[in-house]
Each structure stands twice: as structure tokens, then as C-alpha cells.
N, C-alpha and C. Protein backbone atom coordinates (compact mmCIF):
# COMPACT_ATOMS: atom_id res chain seq x y z
N MET A 1 10.12 18.85 -0.68
CA MET A 1 10.55 17.47 -0.59
C MET A 1 10.65 16.90 -2.01
N MET A 2 11.70 16.17 -2.29
CA MET A 2 11.92 15.56 -3.60
C MET A 2 10.92 14.43 -3.83
N ALA A 3 10.66 14.11 -5.10
CA ALA A 3 9.69 13.07 -5.44
C ALA A 3 10.05 11.73 -4.80
N ARG A 4 11.33 11.38 -4.78
CA ARG A 4 11.74 10.11 -4.18
C ARG A 4 11.47 10.10 -2.69
N ASP A 5 11.69 11.23 -2.03
CA ASP A 5 11.41 11.35 -0.60
C ASP A 5 9.91 11.25 -0.32
N LEU A 6 9.10 11.86 -1.20
CA LEU A 6 7.64 11.77 -1.05
C LEU A 6 7.18 10.32 -1.20
N SER A 7 7.69 9.63 -2.19
CA SER A 7 7.32 8.23 -2.38
C SER A 7 7.73 7.39 -1.19
N LYS A 8 8.91 7.63 -0.66
CA LYS A 8 9.39 6.88 0.51
C LYS A 8 8.50 7.14 1.72
N ALA A 9 8.11 8.39 1.93
CA ALA A 9 7.23 8.74 3.06
C ALA A 9 5.85 8.10 2.89
N ALA A 10 5.33 8.12 1.65
CA ALA A 10 4.02 7.50 1.39
C ALA A 10 4.08 6.00 1.63
N LEU A 11 5.14 5.34 1.19
CA LEU A 11 5.28 3.90 1.41
C LEU A 11 5.37 3.57 2.89
N ALA A 12 6.00 4.44 3.67
CA ALA A 12 6.08 4.21 5.12
C ALA A 12 4.69 4.22 5.74
N VAL A 13 3.83 5.14 5.31
CA VAL A 13 2.46 5.18 5.81
C VAL A 13 1.72 3.90 5.42
N ILE A 14 1.88 3.48 4.18
CA ILE A 14 1.20 2.28 3.69
C ILE A 14 1.64 1.06 4.50
N GLU A 15 2.91 0.95 4.77
CA GLU A 15 3.43 -0.20 5.53
C GLU A 15 2.93 -0.21 6.97
N LYS A 16 2.71 0.95 7.56
CA LYS A 16 2.25 1.03 8.95
C LYS A 16 0.73 0.91 9.08
N SER A 17 0.03 1.13 7.98
CA SER A 17 -1.43 1.09 8.02
C SER A 17 -1.90 -0.36 8.16
N GLY A 18 -2.80 -0.59 9.07
CA GLY A 18 -3.32 -1.93 9.28
C GLY A 18 -4.39 -2.33 8.29
N ARG A 19 -4.89 -1.39 7.55
CA ARG A 19 -5.94 -1.67 6.57
C ARG A 19 -5.88 -0.62 5.47
N ALA A 20 -6.64 -0.87 4.45
CA ALA A 20 -6.77 0.07 3.34
C ALA A 20 -8.25 0.38 3.17
N PHE A 21 -8.53 1.52 2.65
CA PHE A 21 -9.90 1.89 2.29
C PHE A 21 -9.92 2.02 0.78
N ILE A 22 -10.87 1.32 0.15
CA ILE A 22 -10.98 1.39 -1.31
C ILE A 22 -12.29 2.09 -1.65
N ALA A 23 -12.27 2.84 -2.73
CA ALA A 23 -13.47 3.54 -3.18
C ALA A 23 -13.77 3.16 -4.62
N SER A 24 -15.05 3.02 -4.87
CA SER A 24 -15.54 2.76 -6.22
C SER A 24 -16.61 3.81 -6.52
N VAL A 25 -17.08 3.81 -7.75
CA VAL A 25 -18.13 4.73 -8.18
C VAL A 25 -19.35 3.89 -8.54
N ASP A 26 -20.50 4.21 -7.91
CA ASP A 26 -21.70 3.41 -8.20
C ASP A 26 -22.35 3.86 -9.50
N ASP A 27 -23.43 3.20 -9.88
CA ASP A 27 -24.07 3.48 -11.16
C ASP A 27 -24.78 4.83 -11.21
N GLU A 28 -24.90 5.51 -10.07
CA GLU A 28 -25.44 6.87 -10.03
C GLU A 28 -24.33 7.91 -9.95
N GLY A 29 -23.07 7.47 -9.98
CA GLY A 29 -21.93 8.39 -9.96
C GLY A 29 -21.46 8.78 -8.57
N PHE A 30 -21.98 8.12 -7.53
CA PHE A 30 -21.58 8.45 -6.17
C PHE A 30 -20.40 7.58 -5.73
N PRO A 31 -19.48 8.14 -4.95
CA PRO A 31 -18.37 7.34 -4.42
C PRO A 31 -18.87 6.41 -3.32
N ASN A 32 -18.31 5.23 -3.28
CA ASN A 32 -18.61 4.22 -2.25
C ASN A 32 -17.28 3.79 -1.64
N LEU A 33 -17.18 3.82 -0.33
CA LEU A 33 -15.94 3.53 0.38
C LEU A 33 -16.08 2.26 1.20
N LYS A 34 -15.02 1.48 1.27
CA LYS A 34 -15.05 0.23 2.02
C LYS A 34 -13.67 -0.03 2.63
N ALA A 35 -13.66 -0.49 3.88
CA ALA A 35 -12.40 -0.90 4.52
C ALA A 35 -12.04 -2.29 4.02
N MET A 36 -10.77 -2.51 3.80
CA MET A 36 -10.26 -3.80 3.34
C MET A 36 -9.05 -4.18 4.19
N LEU A 37 -8.73 -5.46 4.17
CA LEU A 37 -7.48 -5.89 4.76
C LEU A 37 -6.33 -5.32 3.93
N ARG A 38 -5.15 -5.31 4.50
CA ARG A 38 -3.98 -4.80 3.78
C ARG A 38 -3.86 -5.45 2.40
N PRO A 39 -3.27 -4.76 1.46
CA PRO A 39 -3.06 -5.38 0.15
C PRO A 39 -2.16 -6.61 0.29
N ARG A 40 -2.43 -7.62 -0.51
CA ARG A 40 -1.62 -8.84 -0.47
C ARG A 40 -0.22 -8.60 -1.03
N GLU A 41 -0.18 -7.78 -2.06
CA GLU A 41 1.10 -7.41 -2.69
C GLU A 41 0.98 -5.97 -3.15
N HIS A 42 2.14 -5.34 -3.29
CA HIS A 42 2.16 -4.05 -3.97
C HIS A 42 3.53 -3.84 -4.59
N ASP A 43 3.52 -3.04 -5.62
CA ASP A 43 4.73 -2.72 -6.36
C ASP A 43 5.00 -1.23 -6.11
N GLY A 44 5.63 -0.94 -4.96
CA GLY A 44 5.83 0.46 -4.59
C GLY A 44 4.49 1.15 -4.51
N LEU A 45 4.39 2.29 -5.17
CA LEU A 45 3.12 3.02 -5.22
C LEU A 45 2.37 2.76 -6.52
N ASN A 46 2.88 1.88 -7.35
CA ASN A 46 2.31 1.67 -8.68
C ASN A 46 1.06 0.79 -8.69
N SER A 47 1.14 -0.39 -8.10
CA SER A 47 0.01 -1.30 -8.15
C SER A 47 -0.15 -2.03 -6.82
N PHE A 48 -1.41 -2.38 -6.52
CA PHE A 48 -1.77 -3.01 -5.26
C PHE A 48 -2.75 -4.14 -5.57
N PHE A 49 -2.61 -5.27 -4.88
CA PHE A 49 -3.45 -6.44 -5.10
C PHE A 49 -4.23 -6.78 -3.83
N PHE A 50 -5.55 -6.95 -4.00
CA PHE A 50 -6.46 -7.30 -2.91
C PHE A 50 -7.26 -8.52 -3.33
N THR A 51 -7.84 -9.22 -2.36
CA THR A 51 -8.79 -10.30 -2.66
C THR A 51 -10.18 -9.84 -2.27
N THR A 52 -11.16 -10.36 -2.98
CA THR A 52 -12.55 -10.08 -2.63
C THR A 52 -13.46 -11.11 -3.28
N ASN A 53 -14.73 -11.01 -2.97
CA ASN A 53 -15.73 -11.90 -3.55
C ASN A 53 -16.14 -11.40 -4.93
N THR A 54 -16.14 -12.29 -5.89
CA THR A 54 -16.58 -11.95 -7.25
C THR A 54 -18.00 -11.41 -7.23
N SER A 55 -18.82 -11.89 -6.30
CA SER A 55 -20.22 -11.48 -6.21
C SER A 55 -20.42 -10.15 -5.48
N SER A 56 -19.33 -9.50 -5.07
CA SER A 56 -19.46 -8.29 -4.25
C SER A 56 -19.94 -7.07 -5.05
N LEU A 57 -20.50 -6.14 -4.33
CA LEU A 57 -20.94 -4.87 -4.92
C LEU A 57 -19.76 -4.13 -5.55
N ARG A 58 -18.62 -4.15 -4.87
CA ARG A 58 -17.45 -3.43 -5.36
C ARG A 58 -17.02 -3.97 -6.72
N VAL A 59 -17.02 -5.28 -6.90
CA VAL A 59 -16.64 -5.86 -8.19
C VAL A 59 -17.58 -5.38 -9.27
N ARG A 60 -18.87 -5.36 -8.99
CA ARG A 60 -19.85 -4.86 -9.97
C ARG A 60 -19.53 -3.41 -10.35
N HIS A 61 -19.22 -2.59 -9.34
CA HIS A 61 -18.87 -1.19 -9.62
C HIS A 61 -17.65 -1.10 -10.53
N TYR A 62 -16.58 -1.82 -10.18
CA TYR A 62 -15.33 -1.73 -10.96
C TYR A 62 -15.49 -2.24 -12.38
N LEU A 63 -16.34 -3.23 -12.57
CA LEU A 63 -16.58 -3.72 -13.93
C LEU A 63 -17.32 -2.68 -14.77
N GLN A 64 -18.16 -1.86 -14.13
CA GLN A 64 -18.89 -0.81 -14.83
C GLN A 64 -18.06 0.46 -14.99
N ASN A 65 -17.22 0.75 -13.99
CA ASN A 65 -16.43 1.98 -13.99
C ASN A 65 -15.15 1.70 -13.22
N PRO A 66 -14.02 1.61 -13.89
CA PRO A 66 -12.77 1.24 -13.21
C PRO A 66 -12.13 2.36 -12.38
N LYS A 67 -12.68 3.57 -12.40
CA LYS A 67 -12.11 4.65 -11.60
C LYS A 67 -12.19 4.28 -10.12
N ALA A 68 -11.08 4.49 -9.42
CA ALA A 68 -11.00 4.05 -8.02
C ALA A 68 -10.01 4.90 -7.25
N SER A 69 -10.05 4.75 -5.94
CA SER A 69 -9.03 5.35 -5.09
C SER A 69 -8.77 4.43 -3.91
N LEU A 70 -7.58 4.57 -3.35
CA LEU A 70 -7.17 3.86 -2.14
C LEU A 70 -6.75 4.90 -1.12
N TYR A 71 -7.01 4.60 0.15
CA TYR A 71 -6.57 5.49 1.21
C TYR A 71 -5.94 4.65 2.32
N PHE A 72 -4.77 5.08 2.75
CA PHE A 72 -4.06 4.45 3.86
C PHE A 72 -3.85 5.51 4.92
N PHE A 73 -3.91 5.08 6.18
CA PHE A 73 -3.86 6.04 7.29
C PHE A 73 -2.98 5.49 8.41
N ASP A 74 -2.07 6.32 8.88
CA ASP A 74 -1.25 6.01 10.04
C ASP A 74 -1.75 6.90 11.17
N GLY A 75 -2.64 6.34 12.02
CA GLY A 75 -3.27 7.12 13.08
C GLY A 75 -2.32 7.60 14.16
N ARG A 76 -1.22 6.89 14.33
CA ARG A 76 -0.27 7.28 15.38
C ARG A 76 0.31 8.67 15.12
N PHE A 77 0.58 8.96 13.86
CA PHE A 77 1.17 10.25 13.50
C PHE A 77 0.24 11.10 12.65
N TYR A 78 -1.00 10.65 12.48
CA TYR A 78 -2.02 11.35 11.70
C TYR A 78 -1.49 11.72 10.31
N ARG A 79 -1.06 10.67 9.61
CA ARG A 79 -0.58 10.82 8.23
C ARG A 79 -1.46 9.97 7.33
N GLY A 80 -1.70 10.46 6.13
CA GLY A 80 -2.54 9.73 5.19
C GLY A 80 -1.99 9.76 3.79
N VAL A 81 -2.34 8.74 3.02
CA VAL A 81 -1.93 8.64 1.62
C VAL A 81 -3.17 8.30 0.80
N LEU A 82 -3.50 9.16 -0.14
CA LEU A 82 -4.60 8.93 -1.07
C LEU A 82 -4.00 8.64 -2.43
N LEU A 83 -4.37 7.51 -3.00
CA LEU A 83 -3.95 7.15 -4.35
C LEU A 83 -5.18 7.13 -5.24
N VAL A 84 -5.06 7.71 -6.42
CA VAL A 84 -6.16 7.77 -7.38
C VAL A 84 -5.71 7.03 -8.63
N GLY A 85 -6.59 6.19 -9.16
CA GLY A 85 -6.25 5.43 -10.36
C GLY A 85 -7.40 4.57 -10.82
N THR A 86 -7.07 3.36 -11.25
CA THR A 86 -8.07 2.44 -11.77
C THR A 86 -7.95 1.07 -11.09
N MET A 87 -9.07 0.36 -11.08
CA MET A 87 -9.12 -0.97 -10.48
C MET A 87 -9.56 -1.97 -11.54
N GLU A 88 -8.84 -3.08 -11.62
CA GLU A 88 -9.19 -4.19 -12.51
C GLU A 88 -9.64 -5.38 -11.67
N VAL A 89 -10.57 -6.13 -12.19
CA VAL A 89 -11.00 -7.38 -11.57
C VAL A 89 -10.31 -8.50 -12.32
N LEU A 90 -9.43 -9.22 -11.62
CA LEU A 90 -8.65 -10.30 -12.24
C LEU A 90 -9.21 -11.65 -11.79
N GLN A 91 -9.44 -12.51 -12.77
CA GLN A 91 -9.96 -13.84 -12.47
C GLN A 91 -9.11 -14.94 -13.09
N ASP A 92 -7.94 -14.59 -13.63
CA ASP A 92 -7.08 -15.63 -14.20
C ASP A 92 -6.48 -16.46 -13.07
N GLN A 93 -6.36 -17.75 -13.31
CA GLN A 93 -5.94 -18.68 -12.26
C GLN A 93 -4.52 -18.42 -11.77
N GLU A 94 -3.65 -17.99 -12.66
CA GLU A 94 -2.26 -17.72 -12.25
C GLU A 94 -2.20 -16.62 -11.19
N THR A 95 -2.92 -15.53 -11.39
CA THR A 95 -2.94 -14.44 -10.41
C THR A 95 -3.63 -14.89 -9.13
N LYS A 96 -4.75 -15.58 -9.27
CA LYS A 96 -5.47 -16.05 -8.09
C LYS A 96 -4.59 -16.98 -7.23
N ASN A 97 -3.83 -17.85 -7.87
CA ASN A 97 -2.93 -18.75 -7.13
C ASN A 97 -1.82 -17.96 -6.43
N ARG A 98 -1.27 -16.97 -7.12
CA ARG A 98 -0.18 -16.17 -6.55
C ARG A 98 -0.62 -15.39 -5.32
N ILE A 99 -1.83 -14.85 -5.34
CA ILE A 99 -2.32 -13.99 -4.27
C ILE A 99 -2.92 -14.81 -3.11
N TRP A 100 -3.30 -16.05 -3.37
CA TRP A 100 -3.92 -16.92 -2.37
C TRP A 100 -2.99 -17.10 -1.16
N ARG A 101 -3.57 -17.11 0.04
CA ARG A 101 -2.81 -17.33 1.28
C ARG A 101 -3.49 -18.43 2.10
N ASP A 102 -2.68 -19.10 2.93
CA ASP A 102 -3.25 -20.08 3.86
C ASP A 102 -4.33 -19.40 4.69
N GLY A 103 -5.43 -20.07 4.87
CA GLY A 103 -6.54 -19.52 5.64
C GLY A 103 -7.60 -18.85 4.79
N ASP A 104 -7.31 -18.59 3.51
CA ASP A 104 -8.30 -17.95 2.65
C ASP A 104 -9.53 -18.81 2.42
N ASP A 105 -9.38 -20.13 2.63
CA ASP A 105 -10.53 -21.00 2.43
C ASP A 105 -11.64 -20.71 3.44
N ARG A 106 -11.32 -19.94 4.47
CA ARG A 106 -12.35 -19.49 5.42
C ARG A 106 -13.36 -18.60 4.70
N TYR A 107 -12.89 -17.82 3.74
CA TYR A 107 -13.75 -16.91 2.97
C TYR A 107 -14.20 -17.53 1.65
N TYR A 108 -13.34 -18.38 1.09
CA TYR A 108 -13.59 -18.99 -0.22
C TYR A 108 -13.43 -20.50 -0.07
N PRO A 109 -14.51 -21.20 0.34
CA PRO A 109 -14.41 -22.63 0.65
C PRO A 109 -13.96 -23.50 -0.53
N GLY A 110 -14.12 -23.01 -1.73
CA GLY A 110 -13.70 -23.76 -2.91
C GLY A 110 -12.23 -23.63 -3.23
N GLY A 111 -11.49 -22.94 -2.36
CA GLY A 111 -10.07 -22.75 -2.60
C GLY A 111 -9.79 -21.70 -3.67
N ALA A 112 -8.59 -21.74 -4.20
CA ALA A 112 -8.16 -20.74 -5.19
C ALA A 112 -8.95 -20.82 -6.49
N THR A 113 -9.67 -21.92 -6.69
CA THR A 113 -10.50 -22.04 -7.90
C THR A 113 -11.96 -21.69 -7.63
N ASP A 114 -12.26 -21.26 -6.40
CA ASP A 114 -13.64 -20.88 -6.05
C ASP A 114 -14.10 -19.77 -7.00
N PRO A 115 -15.25 -19.93 -7.66
CA PRO A 115 -15.72 -18.90 -8.59
C PRO A 115 -16.06 -17.58 -7.90
N ASP A 116 -16.24 -17.60 -6.58
CA ASP A 116 -16.53 -16.35 -5.86
C ASP A 116 -15.27 -15.68 -5.32
N TYR A 117 -14.10 -16.16 -5.72
CA TYR A 117 -12.81 -15.57 -5.33
C TYR A 117 -12.20 -14.87 -6.53
N CYS A 118 -11.84 -13.61 -6.34
CA CYS A 118 -11.15 -12.89 -7.41
C CYS A 118 -10.13 -11.94 -6.78
N VAL A 119 -9.33 -11.35 -7.63
CA VAL A 119 -8.27 -10.44 -7.21
C VAL A 119 -8.56 -9.08 -7.82
N LEU A 120 -8.39 -8.05 -7.01
CA LEU A 120 -8.48 -6.67 -7.49
C LEU A 120 -7.07 -6.12 -7.63
N ARG A 121 -6.77 -5.52 -8.79
CA ARG A 121 -5.48 -4.87 -8.99
C ARG A 121 -5.72 -3.38 -9.21
N PHE A 122 -5.24 -2.59 -8.27
CA PHE A 122 -5.33 -1.14 -8.37
C PHE A 122 -4.05 -0.62 -8.98
N THR A 123 -4.17 0.26 -9.98
CA THR A 123 -3.02 0.90 -10.61
C THR A 123 -3.14 2.40 -10.36
N ALA A 124 -2.15 2.95 -9.67
CA ALA A 124 -2.17 4.37 -9.27
C ALA A 124 -1.71 5.28 -10.40
N LYS A 125 -2.32 6.45 -10.46
CA LYS A 125 -1.92 7.49 -11.40
C LYS A 125 -1.32 8.69 -10.66
N LYS A 126 -1.89 8.99 -9.50
CA LYS A 126 -1.38 10.12 -8.72
C LYS A 126 -1.59 9.87 -7.23
N CYS A 127 -0.89 10.66 -6.45
CA CYS A 127 -0.89 10.47 -5.00
C CYS A 127 -1.04 11.83 -4.30
N ARG A 128 -1.72 11.80 -3.18
CA ARG A 128 -1.83 12.98 -2.30
C ARG A 128 -1.42 12.50 -0.91
N MET A 129 -0.37 13.12 -0.39
CA MET A 129 0.18 12.74 0.91
C MET A 129 -0.14 13.84 1.91
N TYR A 130 -0.73 13.43 3.05
CA TYR A 130 -1.02 14.38 4.12
C TYR A 130 -0.10 14.06 5.29
N GLU A 131 0.64 15.09 5.73
CA GLU A 131 1.57 14.93 6.84
C GLU A 131 1.94 16.31 7.39
N ASN A 132 2.09 16.40 8.68
CA ASN A 132 2.51 17.66 9.32
C ASN A 132 1.62 18.84 8.93
N PHE A 133 0.31 18.62 8.92
CA PHE A 133 -0.69 19.66 8.69
C PHE A 133 -0.68 20.26 7.29
N HIS A 134 -0.14 19.53 6.32
CA HIS A 134 -0.25 19.99 4.94
C HIS A 134 -0.25 18.80 3.99
N SER A 135 -0.73 19.04 2.78
CA SER A 135 -0.83 18.00 1.75
C SER A 135 0.07 18.33 0.58
N VAL A 136 0.57 17.28 -0.06
CA VAL A 136 1.40 17.42 -1.24
C VAL A 136 0.88 16.43 -2.28
N ASP A 137 0.68 16.92 -3.50
CA ASP A 137 0.25 16.06 -4.61
C ASP A 137 1.45 15.73 -5.48
N PHE A 138 1.49 14.49 -5.98
CA PHE A 138 2.52 14.13 -6.94
C PHE A 138 2.05 12.99 -7.83
N GLU A 139 2.62 12.95 -9.03
CA GLU A 139 2.28 11.91 -10.01
C GLU A 139 3.07 10.65 -9.68
N ILE A 140 2.49 9.52 -10.01
CA ILE A 140 3.16 8.23 -9.80
C ILE A 140 3.96 7.91 -11.04
């Protein structure tokens, strides 16, 4: 399969996935996995934006070690996409305003300026696509 076809297939899985799983590395070097709501935005397979609490364990992990991975799964066809890269914790108001959605005040009562609201930006370096009982690796 050509690289463009692989990217297209991976994006189809991401679009059908109802959630994402993000992984961080703790201070002992162990991976930690967490389910998240779908990314708020993404730029193809290059970058993905999520919201979370600034006070969260995951934010602490990413500030200490930006290595991260994302996993998306389409259970209907048993297809998966693993992205490996880095995660940044963004707290600039412009990004926070852009990613903010109606109803977010349920989680962040202070609105888009709530100090416990931040944005995670994942930047992918490589991808592993699982489909039809085999996996294919490719660079982003």
C-alpha cells in the first residue's frame, strides 16, 4: 500500500473512533494509558489537540517527559492506529480560546481562562496501522 493510501486508511480509523487513548511516561519510566474524548482538532496525522486539567497527572508526566503515544480503534472492523511522538502542554490564551467548546464550563467553571484548563498538542513522528490481521509501520 502506498504511503498516501496508508495515511488515508489511518485517518478513516481516527474519524470513526469515538475516543482516543493517550499514553505518557511516569517518573519511574513506566507507560501510563488513559482514555480521552476525541481530539478537538487535528491536522491529518501530524498533530492532535485535546483538553485536560492543568492539575492532572498526565500534564505532570508530559512536562517531565514529552514522549507520548496515541491510539485510535475502530472496533467494528478491528482496526487500530498507533501514533508515536511528543506531547506539549499549551497554556497560551489564543490556543485555549480556539480549542474551547460550548459546554466546557462543565469541566472548567472559570471558562477558557480557568487556570485548571489547558490544551495538549500531540505531534506524531511515526504511525503503526493494524488492519486485516497485519501491521504496517510508516513515518509521518
